[in-house]
Amino acid sequence: TPNSTISRETNTQSASAAASHGHVLPEGKIMPNTVFVGGIDDRMDETEIGSCFGRYGSVKEVKIITDRTGVSKGYGFVSFFNDVDIQKILESQIHFHGKKLKLGPAIRKQKLCARHVQPRP
């Protein structure tokens, strides 16, 4: 739906601004050295994506998100071993199989139950 694209773009901007100051965002926590990758084609596998991002740093893990039946949802995450310049990666244009990948900061959604846990003093 067109609405989800708009909200993702505004989230990306607030997330990247917050990332530079180390703030935790209300909708979740920024995962360090990890990039959200959208627009993943069915033909792409994790190895190919890993080698594509290898020019930015040593890739630790590529995870393509799938539904319960194992079908790709078209997005995933690439995490790196060492401190990479995530901002530089987000600003670069990465084309893969002729499609431009959508990149953003990786935000780990907080679990609902975490809200009820009292923080330790």
N, C-alpha and C. Protein backbone atom coordinates (compact mmCIF):
# COMPACT_ATOMS: atom_id res chain seq x y z
N THR A 1 0.85 -1.20 0.00
CA THR A 1 0.00 0.00 0.00
C THR A 1 0.89 1.25 0.00
N PRO A 2 0.42 2.33 -0.61
CA PRO A 2 1.26 3.54 -0.68
C PRO A 2 1.55 4.12 0.70
N ASN A 3 0.61 3.97 1.64
CA ASN A 3 0.79 4.55 2.98
C ASN A 3 2.01 3.99 3.69
N SER A 4 2.24 2.69 3.57
CA SER A 4 3.35 2.08 4.31
C SER A 4 4.69 2.61 3.81
N THR A 5 4.76 2.93 2.51
CA THR A 5 6.03 3.46 1.98
C THR A 5 6.33 4.80 2.60
N ILE A 6 5.31 5.64 2.72
CA ILE A 6 5.52 6.98 3.28
C ILE A 6 5.99 6.88 4.72
N SER A 7 5.33 6.04 5.52
CA SER A 7 5.71 5.97 6.92
C SER A 7 7.12 5.38 7.07
N ARG A 8 7.49 4.45 6.18
CA ARG A 8 8.83 3.87 6.31
C ARG A 8 9.88 4.95 6.03
N GLU A 9 9.62 5.84 5.06
CA GLU A 9 10.60 6.88 4.75
C GLU A 9 10.77 7.84 5.92
N THR A 10 9.68 8.23 6.56
CA THR A 10 9.82 9.13 7.70
C THR A 10 10.52 8.43 8.85
N ASN A 11 10.23 7.14 9.05
CA ASN A 11 10.93 6.39 10.10
C ASN A 11 12.42 6.36 9.82
N THR A 12 12.79 6.14 8.55
CA THR A 12 14.19 6.04 8.20
C THR A 12 14.92 7.33 8.55
N GLN A 13 14.28 8.47 8.26
CA GLN A 13 14.94 9.74 8.53
C GLN A 13 15.11 9.94 10.03
N SER A 14 14.07 9.70 10.81
CA SER A 14 14.21 9.91 12.25
C SER A 14 15.19 8.90 12.83
N ALA A 15 15.22 7.70 12.27
CA ALA A 15 16.12 6.68 12.79
C ALA A 15 17.57 7.05 12.53
N SER A 16 17.88 7.52 11.32
CA SER A 16 19.27 7.83 11.03
C SER A 16 19.72 9.04 11.85
N ALA A 17 18.83 9.99 12.07
CA ALA A 17 19.19 11.15 12.89
C ALA A 17 19.46 10.69 14.32
N ALA A 18 18.62 9.79 14.82
CA ALA A 18 18.78 9.32 16.19
C ALA A 18 20.02 8.45 16.32
N ALA A 19 20.34 7.71 15.27
CA ALA A 19 21.46 6.77 15.35
C ALA A 19 22.76 7.50 15.66
N SER A 20 22.92 8.69 15.08
CA SER A 20 24.18 9.39 15.26
C SER A 20 24.35 9.87 16.71
N HIS A 21 23.26 10.01 17.44
CA HIS A 21 23.36 10.45 18.83
C HIS A 21 23.21 9.29 19.81
N GLY A 22 23.00 8.09 19.28
CA GLY A 22 22.88 6.93 20.15
C GLY A 22 21.58 6.86 20.93
N HIS A 23 20.55 7.60 20.50
CA HIS A 23 19.27 7.54 21.20
C HIS A 23 18.54 6.26 20.86
N VAL A 24 17.73 5.78 21.76
CA VAL A 24 16.86 4.65 21.48
C VAL A 24 15.52 5.20 21.00
N LEU A 25 15.09 4.73 19.87
CA LEU A 25 13.83 5.22 19.31
C LEU A 25 12.65 4.56 20.00
N PRO A 26 11.51 5.25 20.04
CA PRO A 26 10.34 4.67 20.70
C PRO A 26 9.89 3.37 20.02
N GLU A 27 10.04 3.28 18.69
CA GLU A 27 9.51 2.09 18.03
C GLU A 27 10.48 0.91 18.09
N GLY A 28 11.63 1.10 18.67
CA GLY A 28 12.56 -0.01 18.77
C GLY A 28 13.96 0.50 18.95
N LYS A 29 14.91 -0.43 18.85
CA LYS A 29 16.29 -0.10 19.13
C LYS A 29 17.09 -0.27 17.84
N ILE A 30 17.96 0.66 17.54
CA ILE A 30 18.77 0.53 16.34
C ILE A 30 19.80 -0.57 16.55
N MET A 31 19.88 -1.48 15.61
CA MET A 31 20.84 -2.57 15.71
C MET A 31 22.15 -2.10 15.10
N PRO A 32 23.23 -2.12 15.87
CA PRO A 32 24.49 -1.60 15.36
C PRO A 32 25.04 -2.48 14.23
N ASN A 33 25.72 -1.84 13.28
CA ASN A 33 26.37 -2.54 12.16
C ASN A 33 25.42 -3.42 11.36
N THR A 34 24.15 -3.02 11.31
CA THR A 34 23.17 -3.82 10.58
C THR A 34 22.35 -2.90 9.68
N VAL A 35 22.09 -3.35 8.45
CA VAL A 35 21.35 -2.56 7.48
C VAL A 35 20.07 -3.31 7.12
N PHE A 36 18.96 -2.58 7.08
CA PHE A 36 17.70 -3.13 6.56
C PHE A 36 17.79 -3.08 5.04
N VAL A 37 17.46 -4.18 4.37
CA VAL A 37 17.48 -4.23 2.91
C VAL A 37 16.11 -4.63 2.42
N GLY A 38 15.47 -3.75 1.65
CA GLY A 38 14.16 -4.05 1.08
C GLY A 38 14.29 -4.20 -0.43
N GLY A 39 13.22 -4.66 -1.06
CA GLY A 39 13.22 -4.81 -2.51
C GLY A 39 14.01 -6.03 -2.97
N ILE A 40 14.09 -7.04 -2.10
CA ILE A 40 14.83 -8.26 -2.45
C ILE A 40 13.98 -9.13 -3.36
N ASP A 41 14.56 -9.49 -4.47
CA ASP A 41 13.89 -10.29 -5.49
C ASP A 41 13.93 -11.77 -5.11
N ASP A 42 12.96 -12.53 -5.59
CA ASP A 42 12.95 -13.98 -5.33
C ASP A 42 14.22 -14.67 -5.81
N ARG A 43 14.84 -14.12 -6.86
CA ARG A 43 16.02 -14.77 -7.43
C ARG A 43 17.27 -14.55 -6.58
N MET A 44 17.22 -13.62 -5.65
CA MET A 44 18.41 -13.32 -4.85
C MET A 44 18.48 -14.28 -3.67
N ASP A 45 19.69 -14.79 -3.41
CA ASP A 45 19.83 -15.59 -2.19
C ASP A 45 20.79 -14.87 -1.24
N GLU A 46 20.88 -15.41 -0.02
CA GLU A 46 21.63 -14.73 1.04
C GLU A 46 23.12 -14.61 0.69
N THR A 47 23.66 -15.63 0.00
CA THR A 47 25.08 -15.59 -0.37
C THR A 47 25.35 -14.45 -1.34
N GLU A 48 24.48 -14.31 -2.35
CA GLU A 48 24.64 -13.24 -3.34
C GLU A 48 24.56 -11.86 -2.69
N ILE A 49 23.60 -11.70 -1.80
CA ILE A 49 23.44 -10.40 -1.14
C ILE A 49 24.66 -10.11 -0.28
N GLY A 50 25.14 -11.14 0.41
CA GLY A 50 26.34 -10.98 1.24
C GLY A 50 27.54 -10.52 0.43
N SER A 51 27.73 -11.10 -0.76
CA SER A 51 28.88 -10.71 -1.56
C SER A 51 28.70 -9.30 -2.12
N CYS A 52 27.45 -8.92 -2.37
CA CYS A 52 27.16 -7.57 -2.85
C CYS A 52 27.53 -6.52 -1.80
N PHE A 53 27.25 -6.81 -0.52
CA PHE A 53 27.55 -5.86 0.55
C PHE A 53 28.99 -6.01 1.07
N GLY A 54 29.70 -7.02 0.58
CA GLY A 54 31.06 -7.27 1.04
C GLY A 54 32.02 -6.12 0.78
N ARG A 55 31.69 -5.26 -0.19
CA ARG A 55 32.59 -4.14 -0.48
C ARG A 55 32.55 -3.08 0.63
N TYR A 56 31.57 -3.13 1.51
CA TYR A 56 31.46 -2.12 2.58
C TYR A 56 32.09 -2.59 3.88
N GLY A 57 32.37 -3.86 4.00
CA GLY A 57 32.94 -4.39 5.24
C GLY A 57 32.73 -5.89 5.28
N SER A 58 33.28 -6.56 6.30
CA SER A 58 33.11 -8.02 6.32
C SER A 58 31.73 -8.38 6.85
N VAL A 59 30.97 -9.07 6.01
CA VAL A 59 29.57 -9.40 6.32
C VAL A 59 29.53 -10.57 7.29
N LYS A 60 28.81 -10.36 8.39
CA LYS A 60 28.68 -11.38 9.42
C LYS A 60 27.51 -12.31 9.08
N GLU A 61 26.37 -11.71 8.71
CA GLU A 61 25.18 -12.52 8.46
C GLU A 61 24.23 -11.79 7.53
N VAL A 62 23.59 -12.56 6.66
CA VAL A 62 22.51 -12.04 5.83
C VAL A 62 21.27 -12.85 6.18
N LYS A 63 20.18 -12.15 6.50
CA LYS A 63 18.96 -12.87 6.85
C LYS A 63 17.83 -12.33 6.00
N ILE A 64 17.30 -13.18 5.12
CA ILE A 64 16.12 -12.80 4.34
C ILE A 64 14.91 -13.28 5.13
N ILE A 65 13.97 -12.37 5.35
CA ILE A 65 12.78 -12.72 6.14
C ILE A 65 11.78 -13.47 5.27
N THR A 66 11.31 -14.59 5.78
CA THR A 66 10.34 -15.40 5.03
C THR A 66 9.09 -15.59 5.87
N ASP A 67 8.00 -15.94 5.19
CA ASP A 67 6.77 -16.24 5.95
C ASP A 67 6.82 -17.69 6.42
N ARG A 68 5.75 -18.16 7.03
CA ARG A 68 5.76 -19.51 7.60
C ARG A 68 5.98 -20.60 6.57
N THR A 69 5.58 -20.32 5.32
CA THR A 69 5.74 -21.34 4.27
C THR A 69 7.11 -21.27 3.61
N GLY A 70 7.96 -20.32 4.07
CA GLY A 70 9.30 -20.23 3.52
C GLY A 70 9.43 -19.31 2.32
N VAL A 71 8.36 -18.59 1.99
CA VAL A 71 8.40 -17.66 0.86
C VAL A 71 8.98 -16.32 1.32
N SER A 72 9.92 -15.79 0.55
CA SER A 72 10.57 -14.53 0.90
C SER A 72 9.56 -13.39 0.98
N LYS A 73 9.69 -12.56 2.01
CA LYS A 73 8.83 -11.39 2.13
C LYS A 73 9.41 -10.19 1.38
N GLY A 74 10.57 -10.37 0.77
CA GLY A 74 11.14 -9.30 -0.05
C GLY A 74 12.02 -8.32 0.72
N TYR A 75 12.33 -8.65 1.97
CA TYR A 75 13.26 -7.79 2.70
C TYR A 75 14.08 -8.64 3.66
N GLY A 76 15.14 -8.03 4.18
CA GLY A 76 15.99 -8.76 5.11
C GLY A 76 16.98 -7.83 5.76
N PHE A 77 18.00 -8.40 6.38
CA PHE A 77 18.99 -7.62 7.12
C PHE A 77 20.38 -8.13 6.79
N VAL A 78 21.32 -7.20 6.69
CA VAL A 78 22.72 -7.57 6.50
C VAL A 78 23.46 -7.02 7.71
N SER A 79 24.17 -7.90 8.44
CA SER A 79 24.94 -7.41 9.58
C SER A 79 26.43 -7.62 9.31
N PHE A 80 27.23 -6.71 9.84
CA PHE A 80 28.66 -6.69 9.60
C PHE A 80 29.42 -7.00 10.90
N PHE A 81 30.63 -7.55 10.75
CA PHE A 81 31.46 -7.88 11.92
C PHE A 81 31.98 -6.63 12.62
N ASN A 82 32.60 -5.73 11.84
CA ASN A 82 33.27 -4.59 12.46
C ASN A 82 32.43 -3.34 12.28
N ASP A 83 32.86 -2.25 12.91
CA ASP A 83 32.13 -1.00 12.79
C ASP A 83 32.23 -0.50 11.37
N VAL A 84 31.12 -0.50 10.68
CA VAL A 84 31.09 0.01 9.31
C VAL A 84 30.35 1.34 9.32
N ASP A 85 30.55 2.12 8.27
CA ASP A 85 29.87 3.39 8.17
C ASP A 85 28.48 3.14 7.58
N ILE A 86 27.53 2.87 8.47
CA ILE A 86 26.16 2.55 8.02
C ILE A 86 25.60 3.69 7.18
N GLN A 87 25.85 4.94 7.61
CA GLN A 87 25.33 6.09 6.88
C GLN A 87 25.81 6.08 5.43
N LYS A 88 27.07 5.74 5.23
CA LYS A 88 27.64 5.71 3.88
C LYS A 88 26.93 4.63 3.05
N ILE A 89 26.66 3.50 3.68
CA ILE A 89 25.97 2.42 2.96
C ILE A 89 24.55 2.86 2.60
N LEU A 90 23.86 3.51 3.55
CA LEU A 90 22.48 3.94 3.31
C LEU A 90 22.40 4.95 2.18
N GLU A 91 23.46 5.76 2.03
CA GLU A 91 23.43 6.79 0.99
C GLU A 91 23.84 6.26 -0.37
N SER A 92 24.42 5.05 -0.40
CA SER A 92 24.88 4.53 -1.69
C SER A 92 23.71 3.89 -2.43
N GLN A 93 23.81 3.88 -3.74
CA GLN A 93 22.77 3.27 -4.56
C GLN A 93 23.22 1.85 -4.87
N ILE A 94 22.51 0.88 -4.36
CA ILE A 94 22.88 -0.51 -4.64
C ILE A 94 21.84 -1.12 -5.57
N HIS A 95 22.28 -1.47 -6.77
CA HIS A 95 21.38 -2.14 -7.72
C HIS A 95 21.75 -3.61 -7.77
N PHE A 96 20.74 -4.44 -7.81
CA PHE A 96 20.96 -5.87 -7.77
C PHE A 96 19.96 -6.52 -8.70
N HIS A 97 20.42 -7.31 -9.64
CA HIS A 97 19.53 -7.90 -10.65
C HIS A 97 18.68 -6.82 -11.31
N GLY A 98 19.27 -5.64 -11.53
CA GLY A 98 18.56 -4.56 -12.20
C GLY A 98 17.56 -3.80 -11.33
N LYS A 99 17.47 -4.15 -10.05
CA LYS A 99 16.54 -3.44 -9.16
C LYS A 99 17.33 -2.67 -8.12
N LYS A 100 16.81 -1.48 -7.76
CA LYS A 100 17.47 -0.70 -6.71
C LYS A 100 16.97 -1.22 -5.37
N LEU A 101 17.91 -1.55 -4.48
CA LEU A 101 17.52 -2.03 -3.15
C LEU A 101 17.14 -0.84 -2.28
N LYS A 102 16.16 -1.05 -1.41
CA LYS A 102 15.79 -0.01 -0.44
C LYS A 102 16.58 -0.27 0.82
N LEU A 103 17.32 0.73 1.26
CA LEU A 103 18.17 0.55 2.44
C LEU A 103 17.70 1.43 3.58
N GLY A 104 17.89 0.97 4.79
CA GLY A 104 17.52 1.76 5.95
C GLY A 104 18.22 1.22 7.18
N PRO A 105 18.18 1.98 8.28
CA PRO A 105 18.76 1.46 9.52
C PRO A 105 17.93 0.28 9.99
N ALA A 106 18.57 -0.70 10.58
CA ALA A 106 17.85 -1.87 11.09
C ALA A 106 17.35 -1.55 12.48
N ILE A 107 16.04 -1.65 12.68
CA ILE A 107 15.46 -1.35 13.98
C ILE A 107 14.81 -2.61 14.53
N ARG A 108 15.29 -3.04 15.68
CA ARG A 108 14.72 -4.22 16.32
C ARG A 108 13.48 -3.76 17.07
N LYS A 109 12.33 -4.30 16.68
CA LYS A 109 11.08 -3.92 17.35
C LYS A 109 11.11 -4.44 18.79
N GLN A 110 10.67 -3.58 19.70
CA GLN A 110 10.63 -4.02 21.10
C GLN A 110 9.47 -4.99 21.26
N LYS A 111 9.69 -6.03 22.04
CA LYS A 111 8.60 -6.97 22.30
C LYS A 111 7.61 -6.30 23.27
N LEU A 112 6.34 -6.63 23.10
CA LEU A 112 5.31 -5.99 23.92
C LEU A 112 5.52 -6.26 25.40
N CYS A 113 5.98 -7.48 25.73
CA CYS A 113 6.12 -7.82 27.15
C CYS A 113 7.23 -7.01 27.82
N ALA A 114 8.18 -6.49 27.05
CA ALA A 114 9.32 -5.76 27.63
C ALA A 114 8.85 -4.50 28.37
N ARG A 115 7.69 -3.99 27.94
CA ARG A 115 7.15 -2.77 28.52
C ARG A 115 6.83 -2.95 30.01
N HIS A 116 6.41 -4.15 30.38
CA HIS A 116 5.96 -4.38 31.76
C HIS A 116 7.12 -4.68 32.70
N VAL A 117 8.30 -4.92 32.17
CA VAL A 117 9.44 -5.23 33.03
C VAL A 117 9.96 -3.93 33.64
N GLN A 118 10.13 -3.92 34.95
CA GLN A 118 10.63 -2.71 35.62
C GLN A 118 12.13 -2.58 35.39
N PRO A 119 12.60 -1.43 34.96
CA PRO A 119 14.06 -1.27 34.80
C PRO A 119 14.74 -1.32 36.16
N ARG A 120 15.93 -1.89 36.19
CA ARG A 120 16.68 -1.95 37.46
C ARG A 120 17.24 -0.57 37.77
N PRO A 121 17.21 -0.18 39.04
CA PRO A 121 17.75 1.15 39.40
C PRO A 121 19.26 1.21 39.19
